[in-house]
Amino acid sequence: MTDLAGISGKQVVRAFTKIGYTVVRQKGSHVRLKHKDDPNRRPITIPLHKEIGVGLMYRFIRDAGITSEEFKKLL
């Protein structure tokens, strides 16, 4: 589980934009992403913290419908 530790919120946003997510809005330190082509993929709200918790990272990955290996390739 430590392979996804130490990733910042900005890195997560950048990775999800590579697979078709776009920034819809930002309120404070939270960025809302929505997939531009596939309405079946869930919207994701990412906090722009220095480090995202591992459990939260797995939730983002699950909501995006990708595997953790696919996510690691996007970083």
N, C-alpha and C. Protein backbone atom coordinates (compact mmCIF):
# COMPACT_ATOMS: atom_id res chain seq x y z
N MET A 1 0.80 -1.19 0.00
CA MET A 1 0.00 0.00 0.00
C MET A 1 0.85 1.27 0.00
N THR A 2 2.10 1.17 0.33
CA THR A 2 2.94 2.35 0.41
C THR A 2 3.37 2.86 -0.97
N ASP A 3 3.07 2.12 -2.03
CA ASP A 3 3.47 2.56 -3.36
C ASP A 3 2.68 3.79 -3.82
N LEU A 4 1.55 4.09 -3.20
CA LEU A 4 0.77 5.27 -3.54
C LEU A 4 0.90 6.37 -2.48
N ALA A 5 1.83 6.22 -1.57
CA ALA A 5 2.02 7.21 -0.51
C ALA A 5 2.88 8.36 -1.02
N GLY A 6 2.65 9.54 -0.48
CA GLY A 6 3.48 10.69 -0.81
C GLY A 6 3.11 11.41 -2.08
N ILE A 7 1.91 11.18 -2.61
CA ILE A 7 1.49 11.83 -3.84
C ILE A 7 0.68 13.07 -3.47
N SER A 8 0.98 14.18 -4.09
CA SER A 8 0.28 15.42 -3.77
C SER A 8 -1.03 15.53 -4.56
N GLY A 9 -1.88 16.44 -4.13
CA GLY A 9 -3.14 16.67 -4.81
C GLY A 9 -2.96 17.17 -6.23
N LYS A 10 -1.96 18.02 -6.44
CA LYS A 10 -1.68 18.53 -7.79
C LYS A 10 -1.27 17.41 -8.73
N GLN A 11 -0.49 16.45 -8.22
CA GLN A 11 -0.07 15.31 -9.05
C GLN A 11 -1.28 14.45 -9.42
N VAL A 12 -2.21 14.29 -8.50
CA VAL A 12 -3.41 13.49 -8.76
C VAL A 12 -4.26 14.17 -9.83
N VAL A 13 -4.45 15.48 -9.72
CA VAL A 13 -5.23 16.21 -10.72
C VAL A 13 -4.58 16.08 -12.09
N ARG A 14 -3.27 16.24 -12.16
CA ARG A 14 -2.54 16.13 -13.42
C ARG A 14 -2.69 14.73 -14.03
N ALA A 15 -2.65 13.70 -13.19
CA ALA A 15 -2.78 12.33 -13.69
C ALA A 15 -4.17 12.07 -14.25
N PHE A 16 -5.21 12.54 -13.57
CA PHE A 16 -6.57 12.29 -14.04
C PHE A 16 -6.91 13.11 -15.28
N THR A 17 -6.27 14.25 -15.48
CA THR A 17 -6.52 15.00 -16.71
C THR A 17 -5.95 14.26 -17.92
N LYS A 18 -4.98 13.41 -17.71
CA LYS A 18 -4.41 12.63 -18.82
C LYS A 18 -5.37 11.58 -19.35
N ILE A 19 -6.35 11.17 -18.53
CA ILE A 19 -7.29 10.14 -18.99
C ILE A 19 -8.67 10.73 -19.31
N GLY A 20 -8.74 12.04 -19.46
CA GLY A 20 -9.98 12.65 -19.93
C GLY A 20 -10.79 13.41 -18.90
N TYR A 21 -10.32 13.52 -17.68
CA TYR A 21 -11.02 14.33 -16.69
C TYR A 21 -10.66 15.80 -16.89
N THR A 22 -11.62 16.67 -16.64
CA THR A 22 -11.38 18.11 -16.71
C THR A 22 -11.80 18.76 -15.40
N VAL A 23 -11.19 19.88 -15.10
CA VAL A 23 -11.52 20.62 -13.88
C VAL A 23 -12.83 21.36 -14.13
N VAL A 24 -13.83 21.08 -13.31
CA VAL A 24 -15.13 21.71 -13.43
C VAL A 24 -15.18 22.97 -12.58
N ARG A 25 -14.69 22.85 -11.34
CA ARG A 25 -14.69 24.00 -10.44
C ARG A 25 -13.69 23.77 -9.32
N GLN A 26 -13.41 24.83 -8.59
CA GLN A 26 -12.56 24.74 -7.41
C GLN A 26 -13.15 25.62 -6.33
N LYS A 27 -13.24 25.08 -5.13
CA LYS A 27 -13.72 25.83 -3.98
C LYS A 27 -12.71 25.63 -2.86
N GLY A 28 -11.98 26.68 -2.56
CA GLY A 28 -10.95 26.57 -1.55
C GLY A 28 -9.83 25.68 -2.04
N SER A 29 -9.51 24.67 -1.25
CA SER A 29 -8.41 23.77 -1.61
C SER A 29 -8.91 22.48 -2.26
N HIS A 30 -10.16 22.43 -2.69
CA HIS A 30 -10.71 21.22 -3.30
C HIS A 30 -11.06 21.48 -4.76
N VAL A 31 -10.61 20.56 -5.62
CA VAL A 31 -10.84 20.66 -7.06
C VAL A 31 -11.81 19.57 -7.46
N ARG A 32 -12.83 19.93 -8.22
CA ARG A 32 -13.83 18.97 -8.70
C ARG A 32 -13.51 18.62 -10.15
N LEU A 33 -13.37 17.33 -10.43
CA LEU A 33 -13.07 16.85 -11.78
C LEU A 33 -14.25 16.05 -12.30
N LYS A 34 -14.48 16.15 -13.60
CA LYS A 34 -15.54 15.38 -14.25
C LYS A 34 -15.00 14.88 -15.57
N HIS A 35 -15.36 13.65 -15.93
CA HIS A 35 -14.87 13.09 -17.20
C HIS A 35 -15.62 13.74 -18.35
N LYS A 36 -14.89 14.17 -19.37
CA LYS A 36 -15.52 14.93 -20.45
C LYS A 36 -16.27 14.06 -21.45
N ASP A 37 -15.92 12.78 -21.59
CA ASP A 37 -16.54 11.93 -22.60
C ASP A 37 -17.44 10.85 -22.04
N ASP A 38 -17.08 10.29 -20.90
CA ASP A 38 -17.78 9.13 -20.35
C ASP A 38 -18.60 9.53 -19.13
N PRO A 39 -19.93 9.65 -19.28
CA PRO A 39 -20.76 10.05 -18.13
C PRO A 39 -20.87 8.96 -17.06
N ASN A 40 -20.44 7.74 -17.37
CA ASN A 40 -20.50 6.65 -16.39
C ASN A 40 -19.39 6.74 -15.36
N ARG A 41 -18.34 7.49 -15.65
CA ARG A 41 -17.26 7.68 -14.67
C ARG A 41 -17.69 8.74 -13.67
N ARG A 42 -17.48 8.45 -12.40
CA ARG A 42 -17.92 9.34 -11.34
C ARG A 42 -17.09 10.62 -11.28
N PRO A 43 -17.73 11.73 -10.91
CA PRO A 43 -16.94 12.94 -10.64
C PRO A 43 -16.07 12.73 -9.41
N ILE A 44 -14.94 13.39 -9.37
CA ILE A 44 -13.98 13.20 -8.29
C ILE A 44 -13.64 14.57 -7.69
N THR A 45 -13.64 14.66 -6.37
CA THR A 45 -13.24 15.87 -5.67
C THR A 45 -11.91 15.60 -4.98
N ILE A 46 -10.89 16.34 -5.39
CA ILE A 46 -9.53 16.10 -4.90
C ILE A 46 -9.06 17.29 -4.06
N PRO A 47 -8.63 17.02 -2.82
CA PRO A 47 -8.06 18.12 -2.02
C PRO A 47 -6.62 18.40 -2.47
N LEU A 48 -6.26 19.64 -2.55
CA LEU A 48 -4.92 20.02 -2.99
C LEU A 48 -3.97 20.06 -1.80
N HIS A 49 -3.83 18.94 -1.14
CA HIS A 49 -2.93 18.83 0.00
C HIS A 49 -1.55 18.40 -0.47
N LYS A 50 -0.56 18.56 0.41
CA LYS A 50 0.81 18.16 0.06
C LYS A 50 0.91 16.66 -0.11
N GLU A 51 0.11 15.91 0.64
CA GLU A 51 0.13 14.45 0.55
C GLU A 51 -1.28 13.92 0.74
N ILE A 52 -1.72 13.08 -0.19
CA ILE A 52 -3.04 12.47 -0.13
C ILE A 52 -2.90 11.12 0.56
N GLY A 53 -3.82 10.81 1.45
CA GLY A 53 -3.79 9.53 2.15
C GLY A 53 -3.98 8.36 1.19
N VAL A 54 -3.43 7.23 1.54
CA VAL A 54 -3.46 6.05 0.67
C VAL A 54 -4.90 5.57 0.47
N GLY A 55 -5.70 5.55 1.52
CA GLY A 55 -7.09 5.10 1.40
C GLY A 55 -7.89 5.99 0.48
N LEU A 56 -7.67 7.29 0.57
CA LEU A 56 -8.35 8.23 -0.30
C LEU A 56 -7.89 8.06 -1.74
N MET A 57 -6.62 7.77 -1.94
CA MET A 57 -6.10 7.54 -3.29
C MET A 57 -6.80 6.35 -3.94
N TYR A 58 -6.95 5.26 -3.17
CA TYR A 58 -7.62 4.09 -3.72
C TYR A 58 -9.09 4.39 -4.05
N ARG A 59 -9.70 5.28 -3.28
CA ARG A 59 -11.09 5.65 -3.58
C ARG A 59 -11.15 6.43 -4.89
N PHE A 60 -10.22 7.36 -5.10
CA PHE A 60 -10.18 8.10 -6.36
C PHE A 60 -10.00 7.15 -7.54
N ILE A 61 -9.10 6.20 -7.39
CA ILE A 61 -8.80 5.25 -8.46
C ILE A 61 -10.03 4.40 -8.77
N ARG A 62 -10.71 3.95 -7.73
CA ARG A 62 -11.93 3.14 -7.92
C ARG A 62 -13.02 3.97 -8.60
N ASP A 63 -13.21 5.20 -8.17
CA ASP A 63 -14.24 6.06 -8.76
C ASP A 63 -13.95 6.36 -10.23
N ALA A 64 -12.69 6.43 -10.60
CA ALA A 64 -12.31 6.70 -11.99
C ALA A 64 -12.44 5.46 -12.87
N GLY A 65 -12.57 4.29 -12.25
CA GLY A 65 -12.72 3.06 -13.02
C GLY A 65 -11.43 2.55 -13.62
N ILE A 66 -10.31 2.82 -12.96
CA ILE A 66 -9.02 2.32 -13.43
C ILE A 66 -8.38 1.50 -12.32
N THR A 67 -7.29 0.83 -12.64
CA THR A 67 -6.56 0.06 -11.64
C THR A 67 -5.42 0.91 -11.07
N SER A 68 -4.88 0.46 -9.96
CA SER A 68 -3.77 1.21 -9.36
C SER A 68 -2.53 1.18 -10.26
N GLU A 69 -2.34 0.10 -11.01
CA GLU A 69 -1.22 0.02 -11.94
C GLU A 69 -1.38 1.04 -13.07
N GLU A 70 -2.61 1.20 -13.58
CA GLU A 70 -2.85 2.19 -14.62
C GLU A 70 -2.60 3.60 -14.07
N PHE A 71 -3.01 3.83 -12.83
CA PHE A 71 -2.80 5.15 -12.23
C PHE A 71 -1.31 5.44 -12.07
N LYS A 72 -0.53 4.46 -11.65
CA LYS A 72 0.92 4.67 -11.46
C LYS A 72 1.59 5.05 -12.77
N LYS A 73 1.09 4.51 -13.89
CA LYS A 73 1.66 4.86 -15.20
C LYS A 73 1.36 6.30 -15.58
N LEU A 74 0.28 6.86 -15.04
CA LEU A 74 -0.10 8.24 -15.36
C LEU A 74 0.75 9.26 -14.63
N LEU A 75 1.42 8.85 -13.53
CA LEU A 75 2.20 9.80 -12.73
C LEU A 75 3.46 10.22 -13.39
